[in-house]
């Protein structure tokens, strides 16, 4: 899915340069237009600081559903994580929506010890209207396993560029 979005994004950046109708030796070159309007505002990439910290990418599948991935650290090795966030409500503050989302997250930590954790995250976010930036704060409890079952916690503050 990520590769498809990146390929469409690259094509949409290159086609305006080459996509105009031109005549070459009295033959007309066909123009190809890709409509990326439905993709606008759906992809977000940035950084998260907290536990875990790293690079984040999110993609809104629907108005109420977003998938996110993280490549970073839990401060004791490399961490890969992913979550699925379901929008519970748009909290309106001065006519600005602040979506509140809830969803599961899976983290795989590869460092001194290999470990996995499953968490339940609550996220509150805001996307600026004037500039394409998204801010969020998220936190949630969970359990880590593979070397015994232990309680776990995650919290982070993130900033993402909205494509």
N, C-alpha and C. Protein backbone atom coordinates (compact mmCIF):
# COMPACT_ATOMS: atom_id res chain seq x y z
N UNK A 1 0.82 -1.19 0.00
CA UNK A 1 0.00 0.00 0.00
C UNK A 1 0.87 1.26 0.00
N UNK A 2 1.96 1.26 0.82
CA UNK A 2 2.84 2.42 0.87
C UNK A 2 3.52 2.62 -0.47
N UNK A 3 3.95 1.52 -1.11
CA UNK A 3 4.62 1.64 -2.39
C UNK A 3 3.69 2.23 -3.42
N UNK A 4 2.43 1.83 -3.41
CA UNK A 4 1.46 2.35 -4.37
C UNK A 4 1.27 3.84 -4.18
N UNK A 5 1.15 4.29 -2.93
CA UNK A 5 0.98 5.71 -2.65
C UNK A 5 2.22 6.49 -3.08
N UNK A 6 3.40 5.98 -2.80
CA UNK A 6 4.63 6.67 -3.20
C UNK A 6 4.78 6.73 -4.71
N UNK A 7 4.43 5.65 -5.41
CA UNK A 7 4.51 5.65 -6.87
C UNK A 7 3.53 6.65 -7.46
N UNK A 8 2.30 6.69 -6.94
CA UNK A 8 1.32 7.66 -7.42
C UNK A 8 1.78 9.08 -7.15
N UNK A 9 2.39 9.31 -6.00
CA UNK A 9 2.90 10.64 -5.67
C UNK A 9 4.02 11.04 -6.62
N UNK A 10 4.93 10.13 -6.91
CA UNK A 10 6.03 10.43 -7.83
C UNK A 10 5.50 10.70 -9.24
N UNK A 11 4.55 9.90 -9.69
CA UNK A 11 3.97 10.09 -11.01
C UNK A 11 3.27 11.43 -11.09
N UNK A 12 2.54 11.80 -10.02
CA UNK A 12 1.81 13.06 -10.04
C UNK A 12 2.74 14.27 -10.05
N UNK A 13 3.97 14.10 -9.56
CA UNK A 13 4.93 15.20 -9.61
C UNK A 13 5.62 15.30 -10.97
N UNK A 14 5.81 14.19 -11.67
CA UNK A 14 6.52 14.18 -12.94
C UNK A 14 5.60 14.46 -14.13
N UNK A 15 4.37 14.00 -14.10
CA UNK A 15 3.48 14.13 -15.25
C UNK A 15 3.18 15.58 -15.66
N UNK A 16 3.03 16.54 -14.74
CA UNK A 16 2.78 17.90 -15.22
C UNK A 16 3.91 18.44 -16.11
N UNK A 17 5.11 17.96 -15.93
CA UNK A 17 6.23 18.42 -16.75
C UNK A 17 6.13 17.84 -18.16
N UNK A 18 5.80 16.55 -18.27
CA UNK A 18 5.79 15.86 -19.55
C UNK A 18 4.38 15.63 -20.10
N UNK A 19 3.36 15.98 -19.38
CA UNK A 19 2.02 15.58 -19.76
C UNK A 19 1.28 16.51 -20.68
N UNK A 20 1.90 17.54 -21.23
CA UNK A 20 1.21 18.45 -22.12
C UNK A 20 1.17 17.86 -23.52
N UNK A 21 0.10 18.18 -24.25
CA UNK A 21 0.01 17.72 -25.64
C UNK A 21 1.09 18.40 -26.46
N UNK A 22 1.88 17.61 -27.16
CA UNK A 22 2.94 18.13 -28.01
C UNK A 22 2.87 17.43 -29.35
N UNK A 23 3.27 18.16 -30.36
CA UNK A 23 3.32 17.55 -31.68
C UNK A 23 4.76 17.20 -32.00
N UNK A 24 4.95 15.97 -32.35
CA UNK A 24 6.26 15.49 -32.76
C UNK A 24 6.08 14.95 -34.17
N UNK A 25 6.67 15.63 -35.13
CA UNK A 25 6.59 15.22 -36.53
C UNK A 25 5.13 14.99 -36.94
N UNK A 26 4.29 15.96 -36.67
CA UNK A 26 2.87 15.96 -37.03
C UNK A 26 2.05 14.86 -36.34
N UNK A 27 2.57 14.27 -35.28
CA UNK A 27 1.81 13.30 -34.50
C UNK A 27 1.57 13.89 -33.12
N UNK A 28 0.37 13.78 -32.66
CA UNK A 28 0.03 14.34 -31.35
C UNK A 28 0.28 13.31 -30.26
N UNK A 29 0.96 13.72 -29.21
CA UNK A 29 1.21 12.86 -28.05
C UNK A 29 0.02 13.00 -27.11
N UNK A 30 -0.50 11.88 -26.68
CA UNK A 30 -1.65 11.88 -25.78
C UNK A 30 -1.25 12.37 -24.39
N UNK A 31 -2.15 13.09 -23.76
CA UNK A 31 -1.94 13.59 -22.41
C UNK A 31 -2.58 12.62 -21.42
N UNK A 32 -1.85 12.30 -20.37
CA UNK A 32 -2.36 11.43 -19.33
C UNK A 32 -2.50 12.26 -18.06
N UNK A 33 -3.70 12.30 -17.50
CA UNK A 33 -3.94 13.04 -16.26
C UNK A 33 -4.32 12.06 -15.17
N UNK A 34 -3.59 12.11 -14.08
CA UNK A 34 -3.94 11.30 -12.92
C UNK A 34 -4.54 12.23 -11.87
N UNK A 35 -5.72 11.90 -11.41
CA UNK A 35 -6.38 12.71 -10.41
C UNK A 35 -5.96 12.23 -9.03
N UNK A 36 -5.16 13.03 -8.33
CA UNK A 36 -4.71 12.67 -6.98
C UNK A 36 -5.50 13.43 -5.92
N UNK A 37 -6.60 14.03 -6.32
CA UNK A 37 -7.39 14.81 -5.39
C UNK A 37 -7.88 13.99 -4.20
N UNK A 38 -8.21 12.72 -4.45
CA UNK A 38 -8.70 11.87 -3.37
C UNK A 38 -7.60 11.49 -2.39
N UNK A 39 -6.32 11.63 -2.77
CA UNK A 39 -5.20 11.31 -1.89
C UNK A 39 -4.78 12.48 -1.03
N UNK A 40 -5.14 13.69 -1.41
CA UNK A 40 -4.69 14.87 -0.70
C UNK A 40 -5.18 14.88 0.75
N UNK A 41 -4.25 15.14 1.65
CA UNK A 41 -4.58 15.21 3.06
C UNK A 41 -4.67 13.87 3.75
N UNK A 42 -4.40 12.78 3.06
CA UNK A 42 -4.52 11.45 3.65
C UNK A 42 -3.21 10.93 4.22
N UNK A 43 -2.08 11.26 3.60
CA UNK A 43 -0.79 10.74 4.05
C UNK A 43 -0.10 11.77 4.94
N UNK A 44 0.55 11.27 6.00
CA UNK A 44 1.25 12.12 6.97
C UNK A 44 2.57 11.45 7.32
N UNK A 45 3.67 12.23 7.31
CA UNK A 45 4.98 11.68 7.67
C UNK A 45 5.68 12.68 8.58
N UNK A 46 6.38 12.15 9.60
CA UNK A 46 7.06 13.05 10.52
C UNK A 46 7.84 12.29 11.57
N UNK A 47 7.94 12.93 12.76
CA UNK A 47 8.69 12.35 13.86
C UNK A 47 7.83 12.30 15.11
N UNK A 48 8.14 11.32 15.97
CA UNK A 48 7.48 11.17 17.26
C UNK A 48 8.56 11.18 18.34
N UNK A 49 8.31 11.88 19.41
CA UNK A 49 9.22 11.91 20.55
C UNK A 49 8.49 11.33 21.75
N UNK A 50 9.15 10.45 22.45
CA UNK A 50 8.53 9.83 23.62
C UNK A 50 9.00 8.40 23.75
N UNK A 51 8.05 7.55 24.08
CA UNK A 51 8.36 6.13 24.27
C UNK A 51 7.37 5.31 23.47
N UNK A 52 7.62 5.01 22.21
CA UNK A 52 8.87 5.08 21.44
C UNK A 52 9.04 6.41 20.71
N UNK A 53 10.26 6.65 20.25
CA UNK A 53 10.61 7.81 19.43
C UNK A 53 11.07 7.31 18.07
N UNK A 54 10.82 8.11 17.04
CA UNK A 54 11.30 7.72 15.72
C UNK A 54 10.55 8.40 14.60
N UNK A 55 10.68 7.85 13.41
CA UNK A 55 10.00 8.34 12.22
C UNK A 55 8.65 7.67 12.12
N UNK A 56 7.63 8.45 11.78
CA UNK A 56 6.27 7.91 11.70
C UNK A 56 5.67 8.23 10.33
N UNK A 57 4.80 7.34 9.89
CA UNK A 57 4.04 7.55 8.66
C UNK A 57 2.62 7.09 8.92
N UNK A 58 1.66 7.92 8.55
CA UNK A 58 0.26 7.56 8.72
C UNK A 58 -0.50 7.76 7.42
N UNK A 59 -1.51 6.93 7.21
CA UNK A 59 -2.34 7.04 6.02
C UNK A 59 -3.79 6.84 6.43
N UNK A 60 -4.62 7.82 6.11
CA UNK A 60 -6.05 7.76 6.44
C UNK A 60 -6.77 6.95 5.38
N UNK A 61 -7.27 5.78 5.78
CA UNK A 61 -7.97 4.89 4.86
C UNK A 61 -9.41 5.35 4.63
N UNK A 62 -10.02 5.93 5.66
CA UNK A 62 -11.39 6.43 5.59
C UNK A 62 -11.50 7.56 6.61
N UNK A 63 -12.66 8.19 6.68
CA UNK A 63 -12.84 9.30 7.62
C UNK A 63 -12.69 8.87 9.07
N UNK A 64 -12.85 7.61 9.35
CA UNK A 64 -12.82 7.12 10.72
C UNK A 64 -11.68 6.12 10.98
N UNK A 65 -10.81 5.88 9.99
CA UNK A 65 -9.81 4.84 10.11
C UNK A 65 -8.46 5.30 9.56
N UNK A 66 -7.39 5.13 10.36
CA UNK A 66 -6.04 5.49 9.95
C UNK A 66 -5.06 4.40 10.35
N UNK A 67 -4.11 4.11 9.47
CA UNK A 67 -3.07 3.14 9.76
C UNK A 67 -1.75 3.91 9.89
N UNK A 68 -0.92 3.50 10.86
CA UNK A 68 0.34 4.19 11.14
C UNK A 68 1.46 3.18 11.33
N UNK A 69 2.68 3.58 10.93
CA UNK A 69 3.87 2.76 11.17
C UNK A 69 4.94 3.65 11.79
N UNK A 70 5.81 3.02 12.58
CA UNK A 70 6.89 3.72 13.26
C UNK A 70 8.17 2.92 13.10
N UNK A 71 9.26 3.61 12.82
CA UNK A 71 10.60 3.01 12.83
C UNK A 71 11.43 3.90 13.75
N UNK A 72 11.84 3.34 14.88
CA UNK A 72 12.54 4.16 15.86
C UNK A 72 13.18 3.34 16.94
N UNK A 73 13.01 3.83 18.17
CA UNK A 73 13.66 3.19 19.29
C UNK A 73 12.82 3.30 20.55
N UNK A 74 12.99 2.31 21.41
CA UNK A 74 12.47 2.35 22.78
C UNK A 74 13.64 2.58 23.74
N UNK A 75 14.73 3.12 23.23
CA UNK A 75 15.95 3.47 23.96
C UNK A 75 16.76 2.27 24.41
N UNK A 76 16.45 1.08 23.90
CA UNK A 76 17.28 -0.08 24.17
C UNK A 76 17.37 -0.97 22.94
N UNK A 77 17.26 -0.38 21.77
CA UNK A 77 17.35 -1.12 20.52
C UNK A 77 16.45 -0.51 19.47
N UNK A 78 16.42 -1.14 18.31
CA UNK A 78 15.60 -0.70 17.19
C UNK A 78 14.17 -1.21 17.36
N UNK A 79 13.20 -0.36 17.05
CA UNK A 79 11.79 -0.71 17.22
C UNK A 79 11.02 -0.48 15.94
N UNK A 80 10.20 -1.44 15.57
CA UNK A 80 9.22 -1.29 14.50
C UNK A 80 7.84 -1.39 15.14
N UNK A 81 6.97 -0.49 14.77
CA UNK A 81 5.63 -0.50 15.35
C UNK A 81 4.58 -0.16 14.32
N UNK A 82 3.38 -0.57 14.59
CA UNK A 82 2.26 -0.25 13.72
C UNK A 82 0.97 -0.20 14.52
N UNK A 83 0.07 0.67 14.10
CA UNK A 83 -1.22 0.72 14.78
C UNK A 83 -2.34 1.02 13.80
N UNK A 84 -3.53 0.79 14.25
CA UNK A 84 -4.75 1.03 13.51
C UNK A 84 -5.63 1.89 14.41
N UNK A 85 -5.87 3.14 14.01
CA UNK A 85 -6.60 4.08 14.86
C UNK A 85 -8.01 4.32 14.31
N UNK A 86 -8.99 4.16 15.18
CA UNK A 86 -10.38 4.40 14.85
C UNK A 86 -10.81 5.72 15.48
N UNK A 87 -11.32 6.65 14.69
CA UNK A 87 -11.75 7.94 15.20
C UNK A 87 -13.04 7.77 15.99
N UNK A 88 -12.99 8.16 17.27
CA UNK A 88 -14.16 8.07 18.13
C UNK A 88 -15.05 9.30 18.00
N UNK A 89 -14.40 10.48 17.95
CA UNK A 89 -15.15 11.73 17.90
C UNK A 89 -14.25 12.85 17.39
N UNK A 90 -14.86 13.84 16.77
CA UNK A 90 -14.18 15.08 16.43
C UNK A 90 -14.59 16.10 17.49
N UNK A 91 -13.68 16.40 18.40
CA UNK A 91 -13.96 17.37 19.44
C UNK A 91 -13.78 18.76 18.84
N UNK A 92 -14.82 19.55 18.82
CA UNK A 92 -14.79 20.87 18.20
C UNK A 92 -14.42 21.93 19.24
N UNK A 93 -13.36 22.67 18.98
CA UNK A 93 -12.92 23.77 19.83
C UNK A 93 -12.79 24.99 18.92
N UNK A 94 -13.65 25.98 19.13
CA UNK A 94 -13.68 27.19 18.31
C UNK A 94 -13.75 26.84 16.82
N UNK A 95 -14.69 25.97 16.47
CA UNK A 95 -14.94 25.53 15.10
C UNK A 95 -13.76 24.81 14.45
N UNK A 96 -12.83 24.31 15.24
CA UNK A 96 -11.70 23.53 14.73
C UNK A 96 -11.83 22.10 15.24
N UNK A 97 -11.73 21.09 14.35
CA UNK A 97 -11.84 19.70 14.80
C UNK A 97 -10.53 19.18 15.41
N UNK A 98 -10.65 18.52 16.53
CA UNK A 98 -9.56 17.82 17.21
C UNK A 98 -9.98 16.36 17.32
N UNK A 99 -9.63 15.52 16.35
CA UNK A 99 -10.06 14.11 16.38
C UNK A 99 -9.49 13.35 17.58
N UNK A 100 -10.31 12.55 18.19
CA UNK A 100 -9.93 11.66 19.28
C UNK A 100 -10.06 10.24 18.75
N UNK A 101 -8.94 9.49 18.77
CA UNK A 101 -8.91 8.15 18.18
C UNK A 101 -8.43 7.13 19.19
N UNK A 102 -8.83 5.89 18.97
CA UNK A 102 -8.46 4.77 19.83
C UNK A 102 -8.12 3.58 18.94
N UNK A 103 -7.08 2.82 19.33
CA UNK A 103 -6.76 1.65 18.52
C UNK A 103 -5.61 0.83 19.10
N UNK A 104 -5.41 -0.37 18.54
CA UNK A 104 -4.34 -1.26 19.00
C UNK A 104 -3.01 -0.91 18.33
N UNK A 105 -1.93 -1.16 19.03
CA UNK A 105 -0.58 -0.98 18.49
C UNK A 105 0.25 -2.20 18.81
N UNK A 106 1.09 -2.60 17.87
CA UNK A 106 2.04 -3.70 18.05
C UNK A 106 3.44 -3.13 17.85
N UNK A 107 4.32 -3.32 18.85
CA UNK A 107 5.72 -2.91 18.76
C UNK A 107 6.60 -4.14 18.81
N UNK A 108 7.60 -4.18 17.94
CA UNK A 108 8.61 -5.23 17.95
C UNK A 108 9.94 -4.54 18.22
N UNK A 109 10.57 -4.89 19.35
CA UNK A 109 11.83 -4.26 19.76
C UNK A 109 12.97 -5.26 19.56
N UNK A 110 13.98 -4.84 18.80
CA UNK A 110 15.15 -5.68 18.53
C UNK A 110 16.38 -4.95 19.05
N UNK A 111 16.87 -5.37 20.17
CA UNK A 111 18.03 -4.74 20.76
C UNK A 111 18.77 -5.72 21.62
N UNK A 112 19.06 -5.33 22.86
CA UNK A 112 19.69 -6.25 23.79
C UNK A 112 18.83 -7.50 23.98
N UNK A 113 17.52 -7.30 23.97
CA UNK A 113 16.57 -8.40 24.06
C UNK A 113 15.51 -8.22 22.98
N UNK A 114 15.10 -9.30 22.36
CA UNK A 114 13.99 -9.26 21.41
C UNK A 114 12.70 -9.32 22.21
N UNK A 115 11.80 -8.38 21.97
CA UNK A 115 10.57 -8.33 22.74
C UNK A 115 9.45 -7.78 21.86
N UNK A 116 8.23 -8.13 22.18
CA UNK A 116 7.05 -7.61 21.50
C UNK A 116 6.08 -7.10 22.54
N UNK A 117 5.32 -6.07 22.15
CA UNK A 117 4.30 -5.56 23.05
C UNK A 117 3.05 -5.20 22.26
N UNK A 118 1.91 -5.37 22.90
CA UNK A 118 0.62 -5.00 22.35
C UNK A 118 0.02 -3.96 23.27
N UNK A 119 -0.40 -2.84 22.70
CA UNK A 119 -0.91 -1.73 23.50
C UNK A 119 -2.26 -1.26 22.97
N UNK A 120 -2.97 -0.55 23.79
CA UNK A 120 -4.18 0.14 23.39
C UNK A 120 -3.91 1.63 23.50
N UNK A 121 -3.91 2.36 22.38
CA UNK A 121 -3.54 3.77 22.38
C UNK A 121 -4.75 4.68 22.23
N UNK A 122 -4.68 5.81 22.89
CA UNK A 122 -5.65 6.88 22.74
C UNK A 122 -4.88 8.08 22.18
N UNK A 123 -5.33 8.62 21.05
CA UNK A 123 -4.63 9.74 20.39
C UNK A 123 -5.57 10.93 20.24
N UNK A 124 -5.00 12.11 20.50
CA UNK A 124 -5.71 13.37 20.28
C UNK A 124 -4.84 14.18 19.35
N UNK A 125 -5.41 14.68 18.25
CA UNK A 125 -4.59 15.37 17.25
C UNK A 125 -5.26 16.62 16.72
N UNK A 126 -4.44 17.41 16.03
CA UNK A 126 -4.91 18.64 15.39
C UNK A 126 -4.14 18.86 14.10
N UNK A 127 -4.85 19.18 13.03
CA UNK A 127 -4.23 19.53 11.75
C UNK A 127 -4.51 20.99 11.47
N UNK A 128 -3.45 21.75 11.28
CA UNK A 128 -3.57 23.18 10.99
C UNK A 128 -4.23 23.38 9.64
N UNK A 129 -5.06 24.41 9.53
CA UNK A 129 -5.71 24.73 8.26
C UNK A 129 -4.77 25.51 7.34
N UNK A 130 -3.96 26.39 7.91
CA UNK A 130 -3.12 27.29 7.12
C UNK A 130 -1.87 26.61 6.59
N UNK A 131 -1.31 25.70 7.36
CA UNK A 131 -0.08 25.01 6.97
C UNK A 131 -0.31 23.50 7.06
N UNK A 132 0.37 22.71 6.24
CA UNK A 132 0.10 21.27 6.23
C UNK A 132 0.85 20.51 7.32
N UNK A 133 0.55 20.84 8.58
CA UNK A 133 1.17 20.15 9.71
C UNK A 133 0.10 19.55 10.61
N UNK A 134 0.43 18.41 11.19
CA UNK A 134 -0.45 17.70 12.10
C UNK A 134 0.31 17.45 13.40
N UNK A 135 -0.27 17.82 14.52
CA UNK A 135 0.30 17.57 15.84
C UNK A 135 -0.56 16.54 16.55
N UNK A 136 0.09 15.65 17.31
CA UNK A 136 -0.70 14.69 18.07
C UNK A 136 0.02 14.32 19.36
N UNK A 137 -0.79 13.87 20.32
CA UNK A 137 -0.28 13.29 21.55
C UNK A 137 -1.04 11.99 21.73
N UNK A 138 -0.30 10.94 22.10
CA UNK A 138 -0.95 9.64 22.29
C UNK A 138 -0.34 8.93 23.49
N UNK A 139 -1.14 8.09 24.10
CA UNK A 139 -0.67 7.32 25.25
C UNK A 139 -1.57 6.10 25.41
N UNK A 140 -1.01 5.08 26.07
CA UNK A 140 -1.83 3.92 26.34
C UNK A 140 -1.08 2.79 27.02
N UNK A 141 -1.81 1.96 27.75
CA UNK A 141 -1.21 0.82 28.42
C UNK A 141 -1.17 -0.41 27.51
N UNK A 142 -0.39 -1.39 27.92
CA UNK A 142 -0.32 -2.62 27.17
C UNK A 142 0.45 -3.68 27.94
N UNK A 143 0.75 -4.76 27.24
CA UNK A 143 1.55 -5.83 27.83
C UNK A 143 2.67 -6.19 26.86
N UNK A 144 3.83 -6.51 27.44
CA UNK A 144 4.93 -7.03 26.63
C UNK A 144 5.06 -8.51 26.95
N UNK A 145 5.50 -9.26 25.97
CA UNK A 145 5.59 -10.70 26.16
C UNK A 145 6.78 -11.24 25.40
N UNK A 146 6.98 -12.48 25.38
CA UNK A 146 8.07 -13.29 24.83
C UNK A 146 9.06 -13.65 25.91
N UNK A 147 9.39 -12.79 26.81
CA UNK A 147 10.26 -13.12 27.95
C UNK A 147 9.44 -12.93 29.22
N UNK A 148 8.31 -13.57 29.29
CA UNK A 148 7.40 -13.37 30.41
C UNK A 148 6.44 -12.25 30.08
N UNK A 149 5.35 -12.19 30.78
CA UNK A 149 4.34 -11.15 30.57
C UNK A 149 4.62 -10.02 31.55
N UNK A 150 4.65 -8.80 31.01
CA UNK A 150 4.95 -7.63 31.84
C UNK A 150 4.07 -6.48 31.38
N UNK A 151 3.72 -5.59 32.29
CA UNK A 151 2.95 -4.40 31.92
C UNK A 151 3.85 -3.45 31.16
N UNK A 152 3.26 -2.74 30.19
CA UNK A 152 4.00 -1.81 29.35
C UNK A 152 3.19 -0.53 29.22
N UNK A 153 3.83 0.52 28.77
CA UNK A 153 3.19 1.81 28.61
C UNK A 153 3.82 2.52 27.42
N UNK A 154 3.05 3.29 26.70
CA UNK A 154 3.57 4.06 25.58
C UNK A 154 2.98 5.46 25.63
N UNK A 155 3.80 6.43 25.34
CA UNK A 155 3.33 7.81 25.23
C UNK A 155 4.26 8.57 24.30
N UNK A 156 3.70 9.38 23.43
CA UNK A 156 4.54 10.15 22.52
C UNK A 156 3.81 11.40 22.04
N UNK A 157 4.63 12.34 21.62
CA UNK A 157 4.19 13.61 21.04
C UNK A 157 4.76 13.63 19.64
N UNK A 158 3.93 13.88 18.63
CA UNK A 158 4.41 13.82 17.26
C UNK A 158 4.02 15.01 16.43
N UNK A 159 4.80 15.24 15.40
CA UNK A 159 4.51 16.26 14.40
C UNK A 159 4.71 15.62 13.03
N UNK A 160 3.72 15.81 12.15
CA UNK A 160 3.76 15.17 10.85
C UNK A 160 3.40 16.18 9.76
N UNK A 161 4.05 16.06 8.62
CA UNK A 161 3.72 16.85 7.44
C UNK A 161 2.57 16.14 6.73
N UNK A 162 1.54 16.89 6.35
CA UNK A 162 0.38 16.32 5.68
C UNK A 162 0.53 16.49 4.18
N UNK A 163 0.52 15.38 3.45
CA UNK A 163 0.65 15.41 1.99
C UNK A 163 -0.69 15.66 1.34
